[in-house]
PDB file of N, CA and C in Angstrom:
ATOM      1  N   MET A   1      99.003 155.529  70.709  1.00  0.00           N
ATOM      2  CA  MET A   1     100.707 156.151  70.816  1.00  0.00           C
ATOM      3  C   MET A   1     100.596 157.549  71.199  1.00  0.00           C
ATOM      4  N   ASP A   2     101.291 157.445  72.304  1.00  0.00           N
ATOM      5  CA  ASP A   2     101.215 158.446  73.185  1.00  0.00           C
ATOM      6  C   ASP A   2     102.272 159.512  72.738  1.00  0.00           C
ATOM      7  N   ASP A   3     102.775 160.926  73.373  1.00  0.00           N
ATOM      8  CA  ASP A   3     103.663 162.106  72.542  1.00  0.00           C
ATOM      9  C   ASP A   3     104.914 161.625  72.317  1.00  0.00           C
ATOM     10  N   ARG A   4     105.175 160.934  73.522  1.00  0.00           N
ATOM     11  CA  ARG A   4     106.867 160.460  73.910  1.00  0.00           C
ATOM     12  C   ARG A   4     107.196 159.810  72.236  1.00  0.00           C
ATOM     13  N   GLN A   5     105.958 158.053  71.942  1.00  0.00           N
ATOM     14  CA  GLN A   5     106.143 157.278  71.480  1.00  0.00           C
ATOM     15  C   GLN A   5     106.082 157.841  69.718  1.00  0.00           C
ATOM     16  N   LYS A   6     105.543 158.377  69.952  1.00  0.00           N
ATOM     17  CA  LYS A   6     105.326 159.534  68.379  1.00  0.00           C
ATOM     18  C   LYS A   6     106.433 160.173  68.174  1.00  0.00           C
ATOM     19  N   LEU A   7     106.540 160.860  69.063  1.00  0.00           N
ATOM     20  CA  LEU A   7     108.834 162.004  69.191  1.00  0.00           C
ATOM     21  C   LEU A   7     109.335 160.176  68.629  1.00  0.00           C
ATOM     22  N   LEU A   8     109.134 159.810  68.690  1.00  0.00           N
ATOM     23  CA  LEU A   8     110.408 158.060  68.967  1.00  0.00           C
ATOM     24  C   LEU A   8     110.305 157.245  67.368  1.00  0.00           C
ATOM     25  N   HIS A   9     109.264 157.323  67.390  1.00  0.00           N
ATOM     26  CA  HIS A   9     108.214 157.096  66.348  1.00  0.00           C
ATOM     27  C   HIS A   9     108.955 158.158  64.963  1.00  0.00           C
ATOM     28  N   ASP A  10     109.104 159.354  64.961  1.00  0.00           N
ATOM     29  CA  ASP A  10     108.977 159.825  63.625  1.00  0.00           C
ATOM     30  C   ASP A  10     110.322 159.947  64.049  1.00  0.00           C
ATOM     31  N   TRP A  11     111.343 160.525  64.890  1.00  0.00           N
ATOM     32  CA  TRP A  11     112.589 160.028  64.817  1.00  0.00           C
ATOM     33  C   TRP A  11     112.974 158.813  64.361  1.00  0.00           C
ATOM     34  N   THR A  12     112.618 158.323  65.157  1.00  0.00           N
ATOM     35  CA  THR A  12     113.077 156.526  64.078  1.00  0.00           C
ATOM     36  C   THR A  12     113.570 157.716  62.434  1.00  0.00           C
ATOM     37  N   GLU A  13     111.573 156.939  62.018  1.00  0.00           N
ATOM     38  CA  GLU A  13     111.790 157.284  60.923  1.00  0.00           C
ATOM     39  C   GLU A  13     112.413 158.112  59.609  1.00  0.00           C
ATOM     40  N   LYS A  14     112.685 158.849  60.757  1.00  0.00           N
ATOM     41  CA  LYS A  14     113.623 161.267  59.998  1.00  0.00           C
ATOM     42  C   LYS A  14     115.391 160.538  60.074  1.00  0.00           C
ATOM     43  N   LEU A  15     115.666 159.096  60.229  1.00  0.00           N
ATOM     44  CA  LEU A  15     116.770 159.004  60.519  1.00  0.00           C
ATOM     45  C   LEU A  15     116.900 158.300  59.737  1.00  0.00           C
ATOM     46  N   LEU A  16     115.946 156.868  59.575  1.00  0.00           N
ATOM     47  CA  LEU A  16     116.137 155.604  58.617  1.00  0.00           C
ATOM     48  C   LEU A  16     115.964 156.640  57.529  1.00  0.00           C
ATOM     49  N   ALA A  17     114.956 157.273  57.036  1.00  0.00           N
ATOM     50  CA  ALA A  17     114.850 157.668  56.319  1.00  0.00           C
ATOM     51  C   ALA A  17     116.885 158.880  55.695  1.00  0.00           C
ATOM     52  N   ALA A  18     116.870 160.001  55.863  1.00  0.00           N
ATOM     53  CA  ALA A  18     118.165 159.805  56.067  1.00  0.00           C
ATOM     54  C   ALA A  18     119.347 158.875  55.410  1.00  0.00           C
ATOM     55  N   TYR A  19     119.848 158.125  56.089  1.00  0.00           N
ATOM     56  CA  TYR A  19     120.643 156.870  56.182  1.00  0.00           C
ATOM     57  C   TYR A  19     119.812 156.256  54.268  1.00  0.00           C
ATOM     58  N   GLU A  20     118.477 155.854  53.996  1.00  0.00           N
ATOM     59  CA  GLU A  20     117.791 155.458  52.396  1.00  0.00           C
ATOM     60  C   GLU A  20     117.613 154.156  53.047  1.00  0.00           C
ATOM     61  N   ILE A  21     117.420 154.187  54.353  1.00  0.00           N
ATOM     62  CA  ILE A  21     117.195 152.649  54.428  1.00  0.00           C
ATOM     63  C   ILE A  21     116.149 152.679  55.462  1.00  0.00           C
ATOM     64  N   ASP A  22     114.612 153.351  54.674  1.00  0.00           N
ATOM     65  CA  ASP A  22     112.963 153.556  54.895  1.00  0.00           C
ATOM     66  C   ASP A  22     112.982 151.967  54.984  1.00  0.00           C
ATOM     67  N   GLY A  23     111.844 151.787  55.879  1.00  0.00           N
ATOM     68  CA  GLY A  23     110.809 150.808  55.509  1.00  0.00           C
ATOM     69  C   GLY A  23     111.541 149.336  56.926  1.00  0.00           C
ATOM     70  N   THR A  24     113.055 150.344  56.790  1.00  0.00           N
ATOM     71  CA  THR A  24     113.699 149.207  58.282  1.00  0.00           C
ATOM     72  C   THR A  24     112.619 148.547  59.096  1.00  0.00           C
ATOM     73  N   ARG A  25     112.764 147.862  59.904  1.00  0.00           N
ATOM     74  CA  ARG A  25     112.017 147.498  61.030  1.00  0.00           C
ATOM     75  C   ARG A  25     112.641 147.680  62.263  1.00  0.00           C
ATOM     76  N   VAL A  26     111.686 148.575  63.192  1.00  0.00           N
ATOM     77  CA  VAL A  26     113.180 148.891  63.957  1.00  0.00           C
ATOM     78  C   VAL A  26     112.167 148.578  64.956  1.00  0.00           C
ATOM     79  N   ASP A  27     112.331 147.522  66.432  1.00  0.00           N
ATOM     80  CA  ASP A  27     111.310 147.731  67.162  1.00  0.00           C
ATOM     81  C   ASP A  27     112.240 148.698  68.985  1.00  0.00           C
ATOM     82  N   ILE A  28     111.665 149.483  68.654  1.00  0.00           N
ATOM     83  CA  ILE A  28     112.455 150.599  69.373  1.00  0.00           C
ATOM     84  C   ILE A  28     111.711 151.017  70.780  1.00  0.00           C
ATOM     85  N   ASP A  29     111.362 149.943  71.283  1.00  0.00           N
ATOM     86  CA  ASP A  29     111.286 148.858  72.471  1.00  0.00           C
ATOM     87  C   ASP A  29     111.547 148.540  73.084  1.00  0.00           C
ATOM     88  N   ALA A  30     112.610 147.249  72.296  1.00  0.00           N
ATOM     89  CA  ALA A  30     113.648 146.891  72.890  1.00  0.00           C
ATOM     90  C   ALA A  30     114.976 147.082  72.107  1.00  0.00           C
ATOM     91  N   VAL A  31     114.813 148.362  72.221  1.00  0.00           N
ATOM     92  CA  VAL A  31     115.760 149.062  71.472  1.00  0.00           C
ATOM     93  C   VAL A  31     116.004 149.782  73.245  1.00  0.00           C
ATOM     94  N   LEU A  32     115.289 150.814  73.634  1.00  0.00           N
ATOM     95  CA  LEU A  32     115.019 150.704  74.398  1.00  0.00           C
ATOM     96  C   LEU A  32     115.271 150.147  76.162  1.00  0.00           C
ATOM     97  N   GLY A  33     114.919 149.203  76.154  1.00  0.00           N
ATOM     98  CA  GLY A  33     115.222 147.996  76.820  1.00  0.00           C
ATOM     99  C   GLY A  33     116.617 148.281  77.371  1.00  0.00           C
ATOM    100  N   LEU A  34     116.486 148.095  76.199  1.00  0.00           N
ATOM    101  CA  LEU A  34     118.154 146.787  75.874  1.00  0.00           C
ATOM    102  C   LEU A  34     119.297 147.920  76.248  1.00  0.00           C
ATOM    103  N   ALA A  35     118.885 148.883  76.164  1.00  0.00           N
ATOM    104  CA  ALA A  35     119.559 150.510  76.490  1.00  0.00           C
ATOM    105  C   ALA A  35     119.990 150.722  77.961  1.00  0.00           C
ATOM    106  N   GLY A  36     118.808 150.403  78.498  1.00  0.00           N
ATOM    107  CA  GLY A  36     118.008 150.942  79.868  1.00  0.00           C
ATOM    108  C   GLY A  36     119.272 149.619  80.698  1.00  0.00           C
ATOM    109  N   LYS A  37     119.567 148.268  80.150  1.00  0.00           N
ATOM    110  CA  LYS A  37     120.105 147.689  80.860  1.00  0.00           C
ATOM    111  C   LYS A  37     122.054 148.145  80.675  1.00  0.00           C
ATOM    112  N   ALA A  38     122.070 148.091  79.975  1.00  0.00           N
ATOM    113  CA  ALA A  38     123.299 148.171  80.234  1.00  0.00           C
ATOM    114  C   ALA A  38     123.535 149.871  80.713  1.00  0.00           C
ATOM    115  N   ALA A  39     122.356 150.447  80.939  1.00  0.00           N
ATOM    116  CA  ALA A  39     122.805 150.927  81.522  1.00  0.00           C
ATOM    117  C   ALA A  39     122.543 152.067  83.460  1.00  0.00           C
ATOM    118  N   HIS A  40     121.644 150.438  83.601  1.00  0.00           N
ATOM    119  CA  HIS A  40     122.007 149.885  85.057  1.00  0.00           C
ATOM    120  C   HIS A  40     122.489 148.893  84.895  1.00  0.00           C
ATOM    121  N   GLY A  41     122.880 147.706  83.811  1.00  0.00           N
ATOM    122  CA  GLY A  41     123.560 146.843  84.202  1.00  0.00           C
ATOM    123  C   GLY A  41     125.295 147.460  84.810  1.00  0.00           C
ATOM    124  N   VAL A  42     125.561 148.332  83.357  1.00  0.00           N
ATOM    125  CA  VAL A  42     126.808 148.144  83.708  1.00  0.00           C
ATOM    126  C   VAL A  42     127.196 149.749  84.227  1.00  0.00           C
ATOM    127  N   VAL A  43     126.855 150.952  83.025  1.00  0.00           N
ATOM    128  CA  VAL A  43     127.109 152.378  83.790  1.00  0.00           C
ATOM    129  C   VAL A  43     126.415 153.123  82.491  1.00  0.00           C
ATOM    130  N   ARG A  44     125.769 153.830  83.295  1.00  0.00           N
ATOM    131  CA  ARG A  44     124.550 154.737  82.288  1.00  0.00           C
ATOM    132  C   ARG A  44     125.729 154.950  81.181  1.00  0.00           C
ATOM    133  N   PRO A  45     126.615 155.570  80.756  1.00  0.00           N
ATOM    134  CA  PRO A  45     127.781 155.965  80.092  1.00  0.00           C
ATOM    135  C   PRO A  45     126.975 154.434  78.639  1.00  0.00           C
ATOM    136  N   ALA A  46     127.120 153.176  78.833  1.00  0.00           N
ATOM    137  CA  ALA A  46     126.980 152.001  78.205  1.00  0.00           C
ATOM    138  C   ALA A  46     126.080 152.463  77.734  1.00  0.00           C
ATOM    139  N   ALA A  47     124.937 152.592  77.487  1.00  0.00           N
ATOM    140  CA  ALA A  47     123.504 152.722  76.636  1.00  0.00           C
ATOM    141  C   ALA A  47     124.177 152.670  75.448  1.00  0.00           C
ATOM    142  N   PRO A  48     124.115 154.235  75.375  1.00  0.00           N
ATOM    143  CA  PRO A  48     124.688 154.378  73.391  1.00  0.00           C
ATOM    144  C   PRO A  48     125.314 153.833  73.492  1.00  0.00           C
ATOM    145  N   LEU A  49     127.033 153.375  73.722  1.00  0.00           N
ATOM    146  CA  LEU A  49     127.611 152.496  73.530  1.00  0.00           C
ATOM    147  C   LEU A  49     127.979 150.612  72.910  1.00  0.00           C
ATOM    148  N   THR A  50     126.508 150.329  74.049  1.00  0.00           N
ATOM    149  CA  THR A  50     126.079 149.208  73.840  1.00  0.00           C
ATOM    150  C   THR A  50     125.728 149.083  72.702  1.00  0.00           C
ATOM    151  N   THR A  51     123.869 149.658  72.032  1.00  0.00           N
ATOM    152  CA  THR A  51     123.003 150.233  70.794  1.00  0.00           C
ATOM    153  C   THR A  51     124.127 149.727  69.839  1.00  0.00           C
ATOM    154  N   PHE A  52     125.328 150.857  69.888  1.00  0.00           N
ATOM    155  CA  PHE A  52     125.970 151.014  69.233  1.00  0.00           C
ATOM    156  C   PHE A  52     126.568 150.065  68.615  1.00  0.00           C
ATOM    157  N   VAL A  53     126.775 149.540  69.530  1.00  0.00           N
ATOM    158  CA  VAL A  53     128.200 147.722  68.493  1.00  0.00           C
ATOM    159  C   VAL A  53     127.002 146.887  68.314  1.00  0.00           C
ATOM    160  N   VAL A  54     125.503 147.301  68.565  1.00  0.00           N
ATOM    161  CA  VAL A  54     124.522 146.482  68.386  1.00  0.00           C
ATOM    162  C   VAL A  54     124.020 146.507  67.334  1.00  0.00           C
ATOM    163  N   GLY A  55     124.367 148.051  66.409  1.00  0.00           N
ATOM    164  CA  GLY A  55     123.871 148.254  65.503  1.00  0.00           C
ATOM    165  C   GLY A  55     124.648 147.302  64.730  1.00  0.00           C
ATOM    166  N   TYR A  56     125.518 148.020  65.243  1.00  0.00           N
ATOM    167  CA  TYR A  56     126.814 147.605  63.578  1.00  0.00           C
ATOM    168  C   TYR A  56     127.355 146.454  63.810  1.00  0.00           C
ATOM    169  N   ALA A  57     127.111 145.923  64.188  1.00  0.00           N
ATOM    170  CA  ALA A  57     127.199 144.224  64.305  1.00  0.00           C
ATOM    171  C   ALA A  57     126.593 143.432  63.373  1.00  0.00           C
ATOM    172  N   ALA A  58     124.859 144.331  64.115  1.00  0.00           N
ATOM    173  CA  ALA A  58     124.143 144.020  63.018  1.00  0.00           C
ATOM    174  C   ALA A  58     124.760 143.779  61.324  1.00  0.00           C
ATOM    175  N   GLY A  59     124.886 144.629  61.160  1.00  0.00           N
ATOM    176  CA  GLY A  59     124.721 145.945  60.010  1.00  0.00           C
ATOM    177  C   GLY A  59     125.888 145.058  59.167  1.00  0.00           C
ATOM    178  N   LEU A  60     126.581 144.270  60.560  1.00  0.00           N
ATOM    179  CA  LEU A  60     128.426 143.897  59.422  1.00  0.00           C
ATOM    180  C   LEU A  60     127.893 142.078  59.012  1.00  0.00           C
ATOM    181  N   ALA A  61     126.734 141.715  59.666  1.00  0.00           N
ATOM    182  CA  ALA A  61     126.270 140.602  59.276  1.00  0.00           C
ATOM    183  C   ALA A  61     125.824 140.363  58.549  1.00  0.00           C
ATOM    184  N   VAL A  62     125.104 141.571  57.853  1.00  0.00           N
ATOM    185  CA  VAL A  62     124.162 141.537  57.374  1.00  0.00           C
ATOM    186  C   VAL A  62     124.883 141.440  55.697  1.00  0.00           C
ATOM    187  N   GLY A  63     125.697 142.965  55.670  1.00  0.00           N
ATOM    188  CA  GLY A  63     127.097 143.308  54.642  1.00  0.00           C
ATOM    189  C   GLY A  63     126.916 142.069  54.290  1.00  0.00           C
ATOM    190  N   SER A  64     127.712 141.618  55.347  1.00  0.00           N
ATOM    191  CA  SER A  64     128.680 139.595  54.321  1.00  0.00           C
ATOM    192  C   SER A  64     127.882 138.948  54.438  1.00  0.00           C
ATOM    193  N   GLY A  65     127.217 138.614  54.677  1.00  0.00           N
ATOM    194  CA  GLY A  65     125.529 137.742  54.371  1.00  0.00           C
ATOM    195  C   GLY A  65     125.550 136.334  55.326  1.00  0.00           C
ATOM    196  N   GLN A  66     126.080 137.061  56.795  1.00  0.00           N
ATOM    197  CA  GLN A  66     126.184 135.695  57.340  1.00  0.00           C
ATOM    198  C   GLN A  66     124.520 135.586  58.263  1.00  0.00           C
ATOM    199  N   ALA A  67     123.902 136.750  57.581  1.00  0.00           N
ATOM    200  CA  ALA A  67     122.555 136.431  57.703  1.00  0.00           C
ATOM    201  C   ALA A  67     121.493 137.155  57.797  1.00  0.00           C
ATOM    202  N   ASP A  68     119.986 137.172  57.565  1.00  0.00           N
ATOM    203  CA  ASP A  68     119.633 138.158  56.792  1.00  0.00           C
ATOM    204  C   ASP A  68     119.429 139.516  58.004  1.00  0.00           C
ATOM    205  N   GLU A  69     118.451 140.587  57.817  1.00  0.00           N
ATOM    206  CA  GLU A  69     118.199 141.830  58.539  1.00  0.00           C
ATOM    207  C   GLU A  69     117.780 141.274  60.496  1.00  0.00           C
ATOM    208  N   ALA A  70     116.527 140.200  60.724  1.00  0.00           N
ATOM    209  CA  ALA A  70     116.156 140.035  60.886  1.00  0.00           C
ATOM    210  C   ALA A  70     116.788 139.730  63.001  1.00  0.00           C
ATOM    211  N   LEU A  71     117.082 138.187  61.792  1.00  0.00           N
ATOM    212  CA  LEU A  71     117.600 137.744  62.711  1.00  0.00           C
ATOM    213  C   LEU A  71     119.326 137.948  62.869  1.00  0.00           C
ATOM    214  N   ALA A  72     120.106 138.165  62.496  1.00  0.00           N
ATOM    215  CA  ALA A  72     121.128 139.611  62.922  1.00  0.00           C
ATOM    216  C   ALA A  72     120.612 140.061  63.335  1.00  0.00           C
ATOM    217  N   MET A  73     119.601 141.040  64.193  1.00  0.00           N
ATOM    218  CA  MET A  73     119.055 142.334  65.002  1.00  0.00           C
ATOM    219  C   MET A  73     119.225 141.690  65.987  1.00  0.00           C
ATOM    220  N   SER A  74     117.577 139.965  65.763  1.00  0.00           N
ATOM    221  CA  SER A  74     118.451 139.781  66.923  1.00  0.00           C
ATOM    222  C   SER A  74     119.185 138.501  67.681  1.00  0.00           C
ATOM    223  N   SER A  75     120.019 138.524  67.043  1.00  0.00           N
ATOM    224  CA  SER A  75     121.385 137.747  67.553  1.00  0.00           C
ATOM    225  C   SER A  75     122.188 138.946  68.370  1.00  0.00           C
ATOM    226  N   ALA A  76     122.293 139.699  67.320  1.00  0.00           N
ATOM    227  CA  ALA A  76     123.271 140.890  68.014  1.00  0.00           C
ATOM    228  C   ALA A  76     122.385 141.601  69.299  1.00  0.00           C
ATOM    229  N   MET A  77     121.129 141.560  69.280  1.00  0.00           N
ATOM    230  CA  MET A  77     120.820 141.857  70.830  1.00  0.00           C
ATOM    231  C   MET A  77     120.796 141.008  71.671  1.00  0.00           C
ATOM    232  N   ALA A  78     121.015 140.041  71.185  1.00  0.00           N
ATOM    233  CA  ALA A  78     120.739 138.603  72.248  1.00  0.00           C
ATOM    234  C   ALA A  78     121.981 139.118  72.553  1.00  0.00           C
ATOM    235  N   VAL A  79     123.289 138.367  72.324  1.00  0.00           N
ATOM    236  CA  VAL A  79     124.394 138.533  72.997  1.00  0.00           C
ATOM    237  C   VAL A  79     124.482 140.005  74.141  1.00  0.00           C
ATOM    238  N   ALA A  80     124.022 141.303  73.344  1.00  0.00           N
ATOM    239  CA  ALA A  80     124.365 142.229  74.652  1.00  0.00           C
ATOM    240  C   ALA A  80     123.526 142.279  75.473  1.00  0.00           C
ATOM    241  N   ASP A  81     122.548 141.248  75.291  1.00  0.00           N
ATOM    242  CA  ASP A  81     121.215 141.344  75.815  1.00  0.00           C
ATOM    243  C   ASP A  81     122.699 140.141  77.313  1.00  0.00           C
ATOM    244  N   ALA A  82     122.462 139.289  76.754  1.00  0.00           N
ATOM    245  CA  ALA A  82     122.999 138.659  78.011  1.00  0.00           C
ATOM    246  C   ALA A  82     124.957 139.262  78.705  1.00  0.00           C
ATOM    247  N   LEU A  83     125.441 139.231  78.832  1.00  0.00           N
ATOM    248  CA  LEU A  83     126.755 140.621  78.522  1.00  0.00           C
ATOM    249  C   LEU A  83     126.649 141.181  79.293  1.00  0.00           C
ATOM    250  N   CYS A  84     124.765 142.051  79.236  1.00  0.00           N
ATOM    251  CA  CYS A  84     124.763 142.815  80.105  1.00  0.00           C
ATOM    252  C   CYS A  84     123.492 142.476  81.724  1.00  0.00           C
ATOM    253  N   ALA A  85     123.248 141.571  80.962  1.00  0.00           N
ATOM    254  CA  ALA A  85     122.693 140.736  82.175  1.00  0.00           C
ATOM    255  C   ALA A  85     123.919 139.627  83.580  1.00  0.00           C
ATOM    256  N   GLU A  86     124.596 139.512  83.172  1.00  0.00           N
ATOM    257  CA  GLU A  86     126.774 138.716  83.734  1.00  0.00           C
ATOM    258  C   GLU A  86     126.744 139.947  84.889  1.00  0.00           C
ATOM    259  N   ALA A  87     126.577 141.481  83.658  1.00  0.00           N
ATOM    260  CA  ALA A  87     127.433 142.246  84.429  1.00  0.00           C
ATOM    261  C   ALA A  87     126.866 142.640  84.904  1.00  0.00           C
ATOM    262  N   ALA A  88     125.826 142.884  85.549  1.00  0.00           N
ATOM    263  CA  ALA A  88     124.884 143.592  86.562  1.00  0.00           C
ATOM    264  C   ALA A  88     124.273 142.424  87.632  1.00  0.00           C
ATOM    265  N   ALA A  89     124.695 140.961  86.865  1.00  0.00           N
ATOM    266  CA  ALA A  89     124.814 140.103  87.892  1.00  0.00           C
ATOM    267  C   ALA A  89     125.827 140.266  89.073  1.00  0.00           C
ATOM    268  N   ASP A  90     127.424 140.442  88.035  1.00  0.00           N
ATOM    269  CA  ASP A  90     128.580 140.048  88.731  1.00  0.00           C
ATOM    270  C   ASP A  90     128.984 141.574  89.306  1.00  0.00           C
ATOM    271  N   GLY A  91     128.292 142.249  88.891  1.00  0.00           N
ATOM    272  CA  GLY A  91     128.041 143.864  89.769  1.00  0.00           C
ATOM    273  C   GLY A  91     130.105 144.181  89.252  1.00  0.00           C
ATOM    274  N   ASP A  92     130.577 143.974  88.258  1.00  0.00           N
ATOM    275  CA  ASP A  92     131.458 144.560  87.345  1.00  0.00           C
ATOM    276  C   ASP A  92     131.516 144.412  85.586  1.00  0.00           C
ATOM    277  N   PRO A  93     131.327 145.093  85.158  1.00  0.00           N
ATOM    278  CA  PRO A  93     131.024 145.704  84.175  1.00  0.00           C
ATOM    279  C   PRO A  93     132.297 145.315  83.590  1.00  0.00           C
ATOM    280  N   ALA A  94     133.151 145.220  84.091  1.00  0.00           N
ATOM    281  CA  ALA A  94     134.923 144.718  82.774  1.00  0.00           C
ATOM    282  C   ALA A  94     134.707 142.591  83.370  1.00  0.00           C
TER     283      ALA A  94
END
């Protein structure tokens, strides 16, 4: 693990502890990959917005009992990934 990866891992662990959700699995590379797709396929500020909405949607799905954590996150990421690809292909984010 290089310095950047360690910093991101440690930051993620700190966030999880602050929200009292220690032990939650976060695929940092997948989140960063999705953020990159949003930034380049839509517009740069879409990166944090996209990752926020994905996390929120996944949390709602888990909280309402629609899905477990893994399915909720993978489903929410897949929707955003498809929308980013569509926006990049169209050249028109909206």
